[in-house]
Amino acid sequence: MIHETVVTTVSKLGTPHIAPMGVRFEDGNVILMPFRPSATYDNIAVTGCAVVNFTTDVRVFAGCVTGRREWPTVPVHEVQCVRLAGALAHAELRLTHASDDPIRPVLTMERVAQDVHGPFAGFNRAQAAAIEGAVLVSRLHLLSREKVETEIAYLRIAIDKTAGPEEHEAWQWLIAAIAAYYEHDKHHERACMRESS
């Protein structure tokens, strides 16, 4: 099972990096599979640690894929890293093994500490829809426009029926990013047509 979380890491200079990431839990360990190259992979390779944040604030997921990566963080205690200030819970991780895959290495992380910071109020369908929308935005270059539009139309049902202010804000960021992507694609296509004529 893959759990949608937000992973925080820091560079060797202590600069925080925030990235949505699906993680697996196996035999008490946390399995991360960041792509290479990525700041998440580079930071873990240098520091040997990371933090998994559990949050229902879908603005973090939507924000990270639409260029809004500045979210408040606070230091943690057992590893040299930070967590999201608004996380409901977090787990502090230390790297124990890394596969040497050139594209997507498997990082086995030992959970050395964890804490709960706030209550979980229950699932909201709009939160799940916004996370799925963020995944779509991260894969626009891989998916057909028809596929994206079909998925967005379906996800919008949950947004319209169950979203609160945070989910609506995240959704608007995602819709704007999709529109900007296709507008840029249209301009690029027109430029190519002019060059070939």
N, C-alpha and C. Protein backbone atom coordinates (compact mmCIF):
# COMPACT_ATOMS: atom_id res chain seq x y z
N MET A 1 0.84 -1.18 0.00
CA MET A 1 0.00 0.00 0.00
C MET A 1 0.88 1.25 0.00
N ILE A 2 0.52 2.21 -0.81
CA ILE A 2 1.25 3.48 -0.87
C ILE A 2 0.43 4.55 -0.17
N HIS A 3 1.07 5.27 0.73
CA HIS A 3 0.43 6.34 1.49
C HIS A 3 0.91 7.69 0.97
N GLU A 4 -0.01 8.60 0.70
CA GLU A 4 0.35 9.92 0.20
C GLU A 4 0.74 10.82 1.37
N THR A 5 1.99 11.23 1.38
CA THR A 5 2.53 12.04 2.47
C THR A 5 3.29 13.23 1.89
N VAL A 6 3.86 14.01 2.77
CA VAL A 6 4.78 15.08 2.36
C VAL A 6 6.11 14.80 3.05
N VAL A 7 7.17 14.72 2.26
CA VAL A 7 8.50 14.43 2.78
C VAL A 7 9.30 15.72 2.87
N THR A 8 9.85 15.98 4.03
CA THR A 8 10.73 17.13 4.20
C THR A 8 12.17 16.65 4.37
N THR A 9 13.08 17.37 3.72
CA THR A 9 14.51 17.11 3.83
C THR A 9 15.21 18.46 3.94
N VAL A 10 16.50 18.43 4.25
CA VAL A 10 17.28 19.66 4.24
C VAL A 10 18.57 19.42 3.46
N SER A 11 19.07 20.48 2.84
CA SER A 11 20.34 20.40 2.12
C SER A 11 21.49 20.41 3.11
N LYS A 12 22.72 20.24 2.61
CA LYS A 12 23.88 20.27 3.50
C LYS A 12 24.05 21.65 4.15
N LEU A 13 23.43 22.68 3.55
CA LEU A 13 23.47 24.02 4.13
C LEU A 13 22.29 24.28 5.06
N GLY A 14 21.39 23.29 5.19
CA GLY A 14 20.25 23.43 6.09
C GLY A 14 19.01 24.01 5.46
N THR A 15 18.99 24.13 4.12
CA THR A 15 17.82 24.69 3.43
C THR A 15 16.73 23.62 3.33
N PRO A 16 15.52 23.90 3.83
CA PRO A 16 14.45 22.90 3.76
C PRO A 16 13.95 22.68 2.33
N HIS A 17 13.55 21.45 2.06
CA HIS A 17 12.90 21.10 0.79
C HIS A 17 11.66 20.28 1.13
N ILE A 18 10.54 20.63 0.48
CA ILE A 18 9.25 19.99 0.77
C ILE A 18 8.74 19.35 -0.51
N ALA A 19 8.36 18.07 -0.44
CA ALA A 19 7.90 17.36 -1.64
C ALA A 19 6.82 16.34 -1.30
N PRO A 20 5.68 16.38 -1.98
CA PRO A 20 4.70 15.31 -1.83
C PRO A 20 5.31 14.00 -2.33
N MET A 21 5.04 12.91 -1.63
CA MET A 21 5.62 11.63 -2.03
C MET A 21 4.81 10.48 -1.47
N GLY A 22 4.57 9.49 -2.31
CA GLY A 22 3.97 8.26 -1.84
C GLY A 22 5.03 7.42 -1.15
N VAL A 23 4.71 6.89 0.03
CA VAL A 23 5.67 6.08 0.78
C VAL A 23 5.02 4.75 1.14
N ARG A 24 5.87 3.75 1.41
CA ARG A 24 5.39 2.44 1.86
C ARG A 24 5.96 2.16 3.25
N PHE A 25 5.20 1.43 4.04
CA PHE A 25 5.64 1.01 5.36
C PHE A 25 5.84 -0.49 5.32
N GLU A 26 7.07 -0.93 5.61
CA GLU A 26 7.40 -2.35 5.55
C GLU A 26 8.28 -2.75 6.73
N ASP A 27 7.80 -3.68 7.53
CA ASP A 27 8.57 -4.23 8.65
C ASP A 27 9.14 -3.15 9.57
N GLY A 28 8.33 -2.15 9.85
CA GLY A 28 8.77 -1.09 10.75
C GLY A 28 9.59 0.00 10.08
N ASN A 29 9.95 -0.20 8.80
CA ASN A 29 10.71 0.80 8.06
C ASN A 29 9.79 1.60 7.13
N VAL A 30 10.31 2.72 6.65
CA VAL A 30 9.60 3.53 5.66
C VAL A 30 10.41 3.46 4.38
N ILE A 31 9.74 3.16 3.27
CA ILE A 31 10.40 3.02 1.99
C ILE A 31 10.09 4.24 1.14
N LEU A 32 11.12 4.97 0.74
CA LEU A 32 11.00 6.12 -0.15
C LEU A 32 11.61 5.77 -1.50
N MET A 33 10.99 6.29 -2.58
CA MET A 33 11.52 6.04 -3.92
C MET A 33 11.56 7.35 -4.71
N PRO A 34 12.42 8.28 -4.31
CA PRO A 34 12.51 9.55 -5.04
C PRO A 34 13.20 9.36 -6.39
N PHE A 35 12.82 10.17 -7.36
CA PHE A 35 13.48 10.12 -8.65
C PHE A 35 14.85 10.77 -8.57
N ARG A 36 15.73 10.37 -9.47
CA ARG A 36 17.01 11.04 -9.65
C ARG A 36 17.00 11.69 -11.03
N PRO A 37 17.41 12.93 -11.15
CA PRO A 37 17.84 13.82 -10.06
C PRO A 37 16.63 14.44 -9.35
N SER A 38 16.78 14.67 -8.07
CA SER A 38 15.77 15.40 -7.31
C SER A 38 16.43 15.92 -6.04
N ALA A 39 15.89 17.03 -5.54
CA ALA A 39 16.43 17.60 -4.30
C ALA A 39 16.21 16.65 -3.13
N THR A 40 15.09 15.93 -3.14
CA THR A 40 14.83 14.98 -2.05
C THR A 40 15.92 13.92 -1.99
N TYR A 41 16.22 13.32 -3.14
CA TYR A 41 17.26 12.29 -3.17
C TYR A 41 18.61 12.88 -2.76
N ASP A 42 18.97 14.01 -3.35
CA ASP A 42 20.27 14.62 -3.06
C ASP A 42 20.41 14.94 -1.57
N ASN A 43 19.35 15.48 -0.98
CA ASN A 43 19.41 15.85 0.44
C ASN A 43 19.56 14.62 1.34
N ILE A 44 18.81 13.55 1.04
CA ILE A 44 18.93 12.34 1.85
C ILE A 44 20.31 11.72 1.69
N ALA A 45 20.85 11.75 0.46
CA ALA A 45 22.18 11.20 0.22
C ALA A 45 23.24 11.93 1.04
N VAL A 46 23.05 13.24 1.24
CA VAL A 46 24.03 14.03 1.99
C VAL A 46 23.81 13.92 3.50
N THR A 47 22.55 14.02 3.95
CA THR A 47 22.29 14.09 5.39
C THR A 47 21.94 12.74 6.01
N GLY A 48 21.46 11.80 5.19
CA GLY A 48 21.08 10.50 5.71
C GLY A 48 19.78 10.49 6.49
N CYS A 49 18.95 11.54 6.31
CA CYS A 49 17.70 11.58 7.07
C CYS A 49 16.61 12.30 6.30
N ALA A 50 15.39 12.15 6.80
CA ALA A 50 14.21 12.80 6.23
C ALA A 50 13.11 12.74 7.26
N VAL A 51 12.02 13.46 6.99
CA VAL A 51 10.83 13.41 7.83
C VAL A 51 9.62 13.18 6.93
N VAL A 52 8.78 12.23 7.33
CA VAL A 52 7.50 12.02 6.66
C VAL A 52 6.45 12.77 7.46
N ASN A 53 5.71 13.64 6.76
CA ASN A 53 4.66 14.45 7.39
C ASN A 53 3.29 13.93 6.96
N PHE A 54 2.40 13.82 7.92
CA PHE A 54 1.03 13.40 7.65
C PHE A 54 0.13 14.62 7.81
N THR A 55 -0.51 15.02 6.72
CA THR A 55 -1.32 16.24 6.74
C THR A 55 -2.55 16.07 5.87
N THR A 56 -3.63 16.73 6.26
CA THR A 56 -4.82 16.78 5.43
C THR A 56 -4.94 18.13 4.73
N ASP A 57 -3.93 18.99 4.89
CA ASP A 57 -3.93 20.28 4.20
C ASP A 57 -3.46 20.06 2.76
N VAL A 58 -4.41 19.87 1.86
CA VAL A 58 -4.06 19.53 0.48
C VAL A 58 -3.44 20.70 -0.27
N ARG A 59 -3.46 21.90 0.34
CA ARG A 59 -2.77 23.02 -0.30
C ARG A 59 -1.27 22.75 -0.41
N VAL A 60 -0.72 21.97 0.51
CA VAL A 60 0.71 21.65 0.44
C VAL A 60 0.99 20.80 -0.80
N PHE A 61 0.15 19.78 -1.04
CA PHE A 61 0.32 18.93 -2.22
C PHE A 61 0.15 19.75 -3.50
N ALA A 62 -0.95 20.50 -3.57
CA ALA A 62 -1.22 21.31 -4.76
C ALA A 62 -0.18 22.42 -4.92
N GLY A 63 0.22 23.00 -3.81
CA GLY A 63 1.19 24.08 -3.87
C GLY A 63 2.53 23.64 -4.40
N CYS A 64 3.00 22.48 -3.95
CA CYS A 64 4.31 22.00 -4.37
C CYS A 64 4.37 21.72 -5.88
N VAL A 65 3.26 21.25 -6.47
CA VAL A 65 3.29 20.96 -7.91
C VAL A 65 2.94 22.17 -8.75
N THR A 66 2.59 23.30 -8.09
CA THR A 66 2.29 24.52 -8.84
C THR A 66 3.24 25.66 -8.46
N GLY A 67 4.40 25.31 -7.91
CA GLY A 67 5.43 26.32 -7.64
C GLY A 67 5.32 27.02 -6.30
N ARG A 68 4.50 26.52 -5.40
CA ARG A 68 4.35 27.13 -4.07
C ARG A 68 4.97 26.20 -3.03
N ARG A 69 6.27 26.27 -2.89
CA ARG A 69 7.00 25.33 -2.03
C ARG A 69 7.37 25.90 -0.67
N GLU A 70 6.98 27.12 -0.39
CA GLU A 70 7.33 27.75 0.89
C GLU A 70 6.22 27.50 1.90
N TRP A 71 6.44 26.54 2.79
CA TRP A 71 5.48 26.23 3.85
C TRP A 71 6.21 26.26 5.19
N PRO A 72 5.55 26.73 6.23
CA PRO A 72 6.24 26.85 7.53
C PRO A 72 6.73 25.49 8.03
N THR A 73 7.96 25.48 8.53
CA THR A 73 8.55 24.26 9.10
C THR A 73 9.11 24.57 10.48
N VAL A 74 9.30 23.51 11.25
CA VAL A 74 9.93 23.63 12.57
C VAL A 74 10.94 22.49 12.71
N PRO A 75 11.99 22.68 13.50
CA PRO A 75 12.99 21.61 13.67
C PRO A 75 12.39 20.39 14.36
N VAL A 76 12.99 19.23 14.09
CA VAL A 76 12.66 18.00 14.82
C VAL A 76 13.83 17.67 15.74
N HIS A 77 13.71 16.60 16.52
CA HIS A 77 14.67 16.41 17.62
C HIS A 77 15.68 15.28 17.43
N GLU A 78 15.31 14.22 16.72
CA GLU A 78 16.20 13.07 16.65
C GLU A 78 17.07 13.03 15.40
N VAL A 79 16.69 13.77 14.36
CA VAL A 79 17.51 13.85 13.14
C VAL A 79 17.67 15.32 12.76
N GLN A 80 18.67 15.62 11.96
CA GLN A 80 18.93 17.00 11.55
C GLN A 80 18.03 17.35 10.37
N CYS A 81 16.76 17.67 10.69
CA CYS A 81 15.79 17.93 9.63
C CYS A 81 14.68 18.82 10.20
N VAL A 82 13.65 19.04 9.41
CA VAL A 82 12.50 19.84 9.83
C VAL A 82 11.23 19.08 9.46
N ARG A 83 10.13 19.49 10.08
CA ARG A 83 8.81 18.97 9.73
C ARG A 83 7.91 20.14 9.36
N LEU A 84 6.78 19.84 8.73
CA LEU A 84 5.78 20.87 8.48
C LEU A 84 5.20 21.34 9.81
N ALA A 85 5.13 22.64 9.97
CA ALA A 85 4.57 23.18 11.22
C ALA A 85 3.11 22.76 11.39
N GLY A 86 2.39 22.60 10.28
CA GLY A 86 0.98 22.25 10.35
C GLY A 86 0.69 20.77 10.24
N ALA A 87 1.68 19.91 10.32
CA ALA A 87 1.45 18.48 10.20
C ALA A 87 0.61 17.95 11.36
N LEU A 88 -0.28 17.01 11.06
CA LEU A 88 -1.04 16.35 12.12
C LEU A 88 -0.16 15.37 12.89
N ALA A 89 0.82 14.80 12.18
CA ALA A 89 1.78 13.89 12.79
C ALA A 89 3.00 13.84 11.91
N HIS A 90 4.11 13.34 12.46
CA HIS A 90 5.32 13.18 11.65
C HIS A 90 6.13 12.00 12.15
N ALA A 91 6.98 11.48 11.27
CA ALA A 91 7.92 10.42 11.63
C ALA A 91 9.31 10.85 11.17
N GLU A 92 10.28 10.76 12.08
CA GLU A 92 11.66 11.11 11.76
C GLU A 92 12.39 9.86 11.30
N LEU A 93 13.11 9.99 10.18
CA LEU A 93 13.69 8.82 9.52
C LEU A 93 15.20 8.95 9.37
N ARG A 94 15.88 7.78 9.48
CA ARG A 94 17.32 7.72 9.22
C ARG A 94 17.57 6.65 8.15
N LEU A 95 18.39 6.99 7.18
CA LEU A 95 18.68 6.09 6.07
C LEU A 95 19.49 4.89 6.54
N THR A 96 19.02 3.68 6.18
CA THR A 96 19.76 2.47 6.52
C THR A 96 20.26 1.72 5.29
N HIS A 97 19.58 1.91 4.15
CA HIS A 97 20.02 1.23 2.93
C HIS A 97 19.49 1.97 1.71
N ALA A 98 20.30 2.03 0.66
CA ALA A 98 19.88 2.66 -0.59
C ALA A 98 20.27 1.76 -1.76
N SER A 99 19.30 1.43 -2.61
CA SER A 99 19.63 0.69 -3.83
C SER A 99 20.25 1.66 -4.82
N ASP A 100 21.12 1.16 -5.67
CA ASP A 100 21.84 2.03 -6.59
C ASP A 100 21.16 2.06 -7.95
N ASP A 101 19.90 2.47 -7.98
CA ASP A 101 19.17 2.57 -9.23
C ASP A 101 19.39 3.95 -9.84
N PRO A 102 19.75 4.05 -11.12
CA PRO A 102 20.06 5.36 -11.70
C PRO A 102 18.84 6.25 -11.89
N ILE A 103 17.63 5.67 -11.89
CA ILE A 103 16.43 6.47 -12.13
C ILE A 103 15.63 6.68 -10.85
N ARG A 104 15.35 5.59 -10.14
CA ARG A 104 14.51 5.69 -8.94
C ARG A 104 15.00 4.74 -7.87
N PRO A 105 16.00 5.15 -7.10
CA PRO A 105 16.54 4.28 -6.05
C PRO A 105 15.51 4.03 -4.94
N VAL A 106 15.63 2.89 -4.31
CA VAL A 106 14.78 2.54 -3.18
C VAL A 106 15.56 2.85 -1.90
N LEU A 107 15.02 3.76 -1.09
CA LEU A 107 15.67 4.16 0.15
C LEU A 107 14.92 3.55 1.33
N THR A 108 15.60 2.72 2.09
CA THR A 108 15.01 2.12 3.28
C THR A 108 15.38 3.00 4.47
N MET A 109 14.36 3.51 5.14
CA MET A 109 14.56 4.47 6.22
C MET A 109 14.03 3.89 7.54
N GLU A 110 14.86 3.95 8.56
CA GLU A 110 14.45 3.51 9.90
C GLU A 110 13.69 4.64 10.59
N ARG A 111 12.56 4.31 11.19
CA ARG A 111 11.78 5.29 11.92
C ARG A 111 12.39 5.43 13.31
N VAL A 112 13.00 6.59 13.61
CA VAL A 112 13.68 6.77 14.89
C VAL A 112 12.87 7.57 15.91
N ALA A 113 11.82 8.27 15.42
CA ALA A 113 10.95 9.01 16.32
C ALA A 113 9.66 9.34 15.58
N GLN A 114 8.61 9.54 16.33
CA GLN A 114 7.36 9.97 15.73
C GLN A 114 6.54 10.71 16.78
N ASP A 115 5.63 11.56 16.30
CA ASP A 115 4.82 12.34 17.23
C ASP A 115 3.53 12.74 16.55
N VAL A 116 2.49 12.95 17.35
CA VAL A 116 1.19 13.40 16.88
C VAL A 116 0.99 14.83 17.38
N HIS A 117 0.52 15.70 16.49
CA HIS A 117 0.40 17.13 16.83
C HIS A 117 -1.03 17.64 16.82
N GLY A 118 -1.93 16.87 16.20
CA GLY A 118 -3.31 17.33 16.12
C GLY A 118 -4.24 16.18 15.78
N PRO A 119 -5.54 16.36 16.01
CA PRO A 119 -6.49 15.28 15.75
C PRO A 119 -6.78 15.13 14.26
N PHE A 120 -7.08 13.92 13.86
CA PHE A 120 -7.51 13.64 12.49
C PHE A 120 -9.02 13.66 12.49
N ALA A 121 -9.62 14.60 11.76
CA ALA A 121 -11.06 14.82 11.82
C ALA A 121 -11.86 13.87 10.94
N GLY A 122 -11.19 13.08 10.12
CA GLY A 122 -11.89 12.18 9.21
C GLY A 122 -11.58 12.51 7.77
N PHE A 123 -11.93 11.57 6.89
CA PHE A 123 -11.64 11.76 5.47
C PHE A 123 -12.62 12.72 4.82
N ASN A 124 -12.14 13.44 3.84
CA ASN A 124 -12.95 14.34 3.04
C ASN A 124 -12.70 13.99 1.58
N ARG A 125 -13.76 13.76 0.82
CA ARG A 125 -13.59 13.35 -0.58
C ARG A 125 -12.87 14.42 -1.40
N ALA A 126 -13.08 15.68 -1.06
CA ALA A 126 -12.42 16.76 -1.79
C ALA A 126 -10.91 16.73 -1.56
N GLN A 127 -10.48 16.32 -0.37
CA GLN A 127 -9.04 16.22 -0.11
C GLN A 127 -8.42 15.16 -1.02
N ALA A 128 -9.08 14.02 -1.12
CA ALA A 128 -8.57 12.97 -2.01
C ALA A 128 -8.57 13.44 -3.46
N ALA A 129 -9.61 14.17 -3.86
CA ALA A 129 -9.69 14.68 -5.23
C ALA A 129 -8.56 15.67 -5.52
N ALA A 130 -8.26 16.53 -4.55
CA ALA A 130 -7.18 17.51 -4.75
C ALA A 130 -5.83 16.81 -4.86
N ILE A 131 -5.61 15.76 -4.07
CA ILE A 131 -4.35 15.03 -4.17
C ILE A 131 -4.24 14.35 -5.53
N GLU A 132 -5.34 13.75 -6.00
CA GLU A 132 -5.32 13.15 -7.34
C GLU A 132 -5.09 14.21 -8.40
N GLY A 133 -5.66 15.39 -8.21
CA GLY A 133 -5.43 16.49 -9.15
C GLY A 133 -3.97 16.91 -9.17
N ALA A 134 -3.33 16.92 -7.99
CA ALA A 134 -1.91 17.26 -7.92
C ALA A 134 -1.06 16.24 -8.66
N VAL A 135 -1.43 14.96 -8.54
CA VAL A 135 -0.71 13.91 -9.28
C VAL A 135 -0.86 14.15 -10.78
N LEU A 136 -2.07 14.49 -11.23
CA LEU A 136 -2.29 14.77 -12.65
C LEU A 136 -1.41 15.93 -13.12
N VAL A 137 -1.35 17.00 -12.34
CA VAL A 137 -0.54 18.16 -12.72
C VAL A 137 0.93 17.77 -12.84
N SER A 138 1.39 16.90 -11.95
CA SER A 138 2.79 16.49 -12.01
C SER A 138 3.08 15.61 -13.23
N ARG A 139 2.03 15.12 -13.89
CA ARG A 139 2.22 14.20 -15.03
C ARG A 139 1.62 14.73 -16.33
N LEU A 140 1.38 16.04 -16.41
CA LEU A 140 0.77 16.60 -17.62
C LEU A 140 1.58 16.27 -18.87
N HIS A 141 2.89 16.23 -18.74
CA HIS A 141 3.74 15.95 -19.90
C HIS A 141 3.67 14.49 -20.34
N LEU A 142 3.06 13.64 -19.52
CA LEU A 142 2.97 12.21 -19.84
C LEU A 142 1.59 11.78 -20.30
N LEU A 143 0.57 12.59 -20.02
CA LEU A 143 -0.82 12.19 -20.27
C LEU A 143 -1.43 12.97 -21.42
N SER A 144 -2.39 12.35 -22.09
CA SER A 144 -3.11 13.06 -23.15
C SER A 144 -4.02 14.10 -22.53
N ARG A 145 -4.30 15.15 -23.28
CA ARG A 145 -5.19 16.20 -22.78
C ARG A 145 -6.58 15.62 -22.50
N GLU A 146 -7.04 14.72 -23.35
CA GLU A 146 -8.35 14.10 -23.15
C GLU A 146 -8.41 13.36 -21.82
N LYS A 147 -7.35 12.63 -21.50
CA LYS A 147 -7.29 11.89 -20.23
C LYS A 147 -7.34 12.86 -19.05
N VAL A 148 -6.56 13.93 -19.13
CA VAL A 148 -6.52 14.91 -18.05
C VAL A 148 -7.90 15.55 -17.86
N GLU A 149 -8.52 15.97 -18.95
CA GLU A 149 -9.81 16.64 -18.85
C GLU A 149 -10.89 15.70 -18.31
N THR A 150 -10.85 14.44 -18.71
CA THR A 150 -11.82 13.46 -18.20
C THR A 150 -11.64 13.26 -16.70
N GLU A 151 -10.38 13.12 -16.26
CA GLU A 151 -10.11 12.92 -14.84
C GLU A 151 -10.52 14.14 -14.02
N ILE A 152 -10.20 15.32 -14.51
CA ILE A 152 -10.53 16.55 -13.79
C ILE A 152 -12.04 16.71 -13.65
N ALA A 153 -12.77 16.39 -14.72
CA ALA A 153 -14.23 16.50 -14.66
C ALA A 153 -14.80 15.59 -13.58
N TYR A 154 -14.24 14.39 -13.46
CA TYR A 154 -14.72 13.46 -12.45
C TYR A 154 -14.34 13.95 -11.04
N LEU A 155 -13.10 14.38 -10.87
CA LEU A 155 -12.64 14.84 -9.56
C LEU A 155 -13.40 16.09 -9.10
N ARG A 156 -13.81 16.91 -10.05
CA ARG A 156 -14.52 18.15 -9.71
C ARG A 156 -15.84 17.86 -8.96
N ILE A 157 -16.43 16.71 -9.20
CA ILE A 157 -17.67 16.35 -8.51
C ILE A 157 -17.45 16.35 -7.00
N ALA A 158 -16.37 15.72 -6.55
CA ALA A 158 -16.07 15.68 -5.12
C ALA A 158 -15.74 17.07 -4.59
N ILE A 159 -15.03 17.87 -5.38
CA ILE A 159 -14.72 19.24 -4.96
C ILE A 159 -16.01 20.02 -4.77
N ASP A 160 -16.90 19.97 -5.76
CA ASP A 160 -18.14 20.74 -5.70
C ASP A 160 -19.02 20.32 -4.52
N LYS A 161 -19.00 19.03 -4.18
CA LYS A 161 -19.90 18.53 -3.15
C LYS A 161 -19.34 18.63 -1.74
N THR A 162 -18.02 18.52 -1.56
CA THR A 162 -17.51 18.34 -0.19
C THR A 162 -16.36 19.27 0.20
N ALA A 163 -15.89 20.12 -0.69
CA ALA A 163 -14.70 20.94 -0.39
C ALA A 163 -14.99 22.06 0.60
N GLY A 164 -13.99 22.33 1.43
CA GLY A 164 -13.98 23.51 2.27
C GLY A 164 -13.07 24.55 1.62
N PRO A 165 -12.81 25.67 2.31
CA PRO A 165 -11.99 26.74 1.73
C PRO A 165 -10.59 26.28 1.31
N GLU A 166 -9.93 25.44 2.11
CA GLU A 166 -8.57 25.01 1.76
C GLU A 166 -8.57 24.16 0.50
N GLU A 167 -9.55 23.26 0.38
CA GLU A 167 -9.62 22.41 -0.80
C GLU A 167 -9.95 23.22 -2.04
N HIS A 168 -10.84 24.20 -1.90
CA HIS A 168 -11.17 25.08 -3.04
C HIS A 168 -9.93 25.85 -3.50
N GLU A 169 -9.15 26.35 -2.56
CA GLU A 169 -7.94 27.09 -2.92
C GLU A 169 -6.94 26.19 -3.64
N ALA A 170 -6.72 25.00 -3.10
CA ALA A 170 -5.81 24.05 -3.76
C ALA A 170 -6.29 23.71 -5.16
N TRP A 171 -7.59 23.49 -5.31
CA TRP A 171 -8.16 23.12 -6.61
C TRP A 171 -7.95 24.24 -7.63
N GLN A 172 -8.15 25.49 -7.20
CA GLN A 172 -7.96 26.61 -8.13
C GLN A 172 -6.51 26.70 -8.60
N TRP A 173 -5.55 26.44 -7.71
CA TRP A 173 -4.14 26.42 -8.13
C TRP A 173 -3.92 25.36 -9.20
N LEU A 174 -4.52 24.18 -9.00
CA LEU A 174 -4.32 23.08 -9.95
C LEU A 174 -4.96 23.40 -11.30
N ILE A 175 -6.17 23.93 -11.29
CA ILE A 175 -6.87 24.25 -12.54
C ILE A 175 -6.09 25.33 -13.30
N ALA A 176 -5.57 26.31 -12.57
CA ALA A 176 -4.78 27.37 -13.22
C ALA A 176 -3.50 26.80 -13.83
N ALA A 177 -2.87 25.85 -13.14
CA ALA A 177 -1.64 25.24 -13.66
C ALA A 177 -1.92 24.43 -14.93
N ILE A 178 -3.04 23.72 -14.95
CA ILE A 178 -3.40 22.95 -16.15
C ILE A 178 -3.68 23.88 -17.31
N ALA A 179 -4.44 24.95 -17.07
CA ALA A 179 -4.74 25.91 -18.13
C ALA A 179 -3.46 26.55 -18.67
N ALA A 180 -2.54 26.91 -17.76
CA ALA A 180 -1.27 27.52 -18.19
C ALA A 180 -0.45 26.54 -19.02
N TYR A 181 -0.46 25.27 -18.63
CA TYR A 181 0.31 24.26 -19.36
C TYR A 181 -0.20 24.14 -20.79
N TYR A 182 -1.52 24.06 -20.97
CA TYR A 182 -2.06 23.89 -22.32
C TYR A 182 -1.97 25.17 -23.13
N GLU A 183 -2.03 26.31 -22.46
CA GLU A 183 -1.84 27.58 -23.17
C GLU A 183 -0.42 27.68 -23.71
N HIS A 184 0.56 27.29 -22.88
CA HIS A 184 1.95 27.29 -23.32
C HIS A 184 2.15 26.29 -24.46
N ASP A 185 1.51 25.14 -24.34
CA ASP A 185 1.59 24.11 -25.37
C ASP A 185 1.02 24.62 -26.70
N LYS A 186 -0.09 25.38 -26.61
CA LYS A 186 -0.72 25.93 -27.82
C LYS A 186 0.20 26.95 -28.48
N HIS A 187 0.82 27.82 -27.68
CA HIS A 187 1.74 28.83 -28.24
C HIS A 187 2.94 28.15 -28.89
N HIS A 188 3.44 27.09 -28.24
CA HIS A 188 4.59 26.36 -28.79
C HIS A 188 4.23 25.72 -30.13
N GLU A 189 3.03 25.17 -30.21
CA GLU A 189 2.57 24.54 -31.45
C GLU A 189 2.44 25.56 -32.56
N ARG A 190 1.91 26.75 -32.24
CA ARG A 190 1.79 27.81 -33.25
C ARG A 190 3.16 28.27 -33.74
N ALA A 191 4.11 28.39 -32.79
CA ALA A 191 5.46 28.80 -33.18
C ALA A 191 6.10 27.78 -34.11
N CYS A 192 5.89 26.51 -33.83
CA CYS A 192 6.45 25.45 -34.69
C CYS A 192 5.83 25.50 -36.07
N MET A 193 4.54 25.79 -36.12
CA MET A 193 3.85 25.87 -37.42
C MET A 193 4.39 27.03 -38.24
N ARG A 194 4.66 28.18 -37.58
CA ARG A 194 5.21 29.34 -38.29
C ARG A 194 6.60 29.03 -38.83
N GLU A 195 7.40 28.32 -38.02
CA GLU A 195 8.76 28.00 -38.46
C GLU A 195 8.78 27.02 -39.64
N SER A 196 7.77 26.15 -39.69
CA SER A 196 7.77 25.16 -40.77
C SER A 196 7.11 25.68 -42.04
N SER A 197 6.43 26.85 -41.97
CA SER A 197 5.72 27.35 -43.16
C SER A 197 6.62 28.28 -43.97
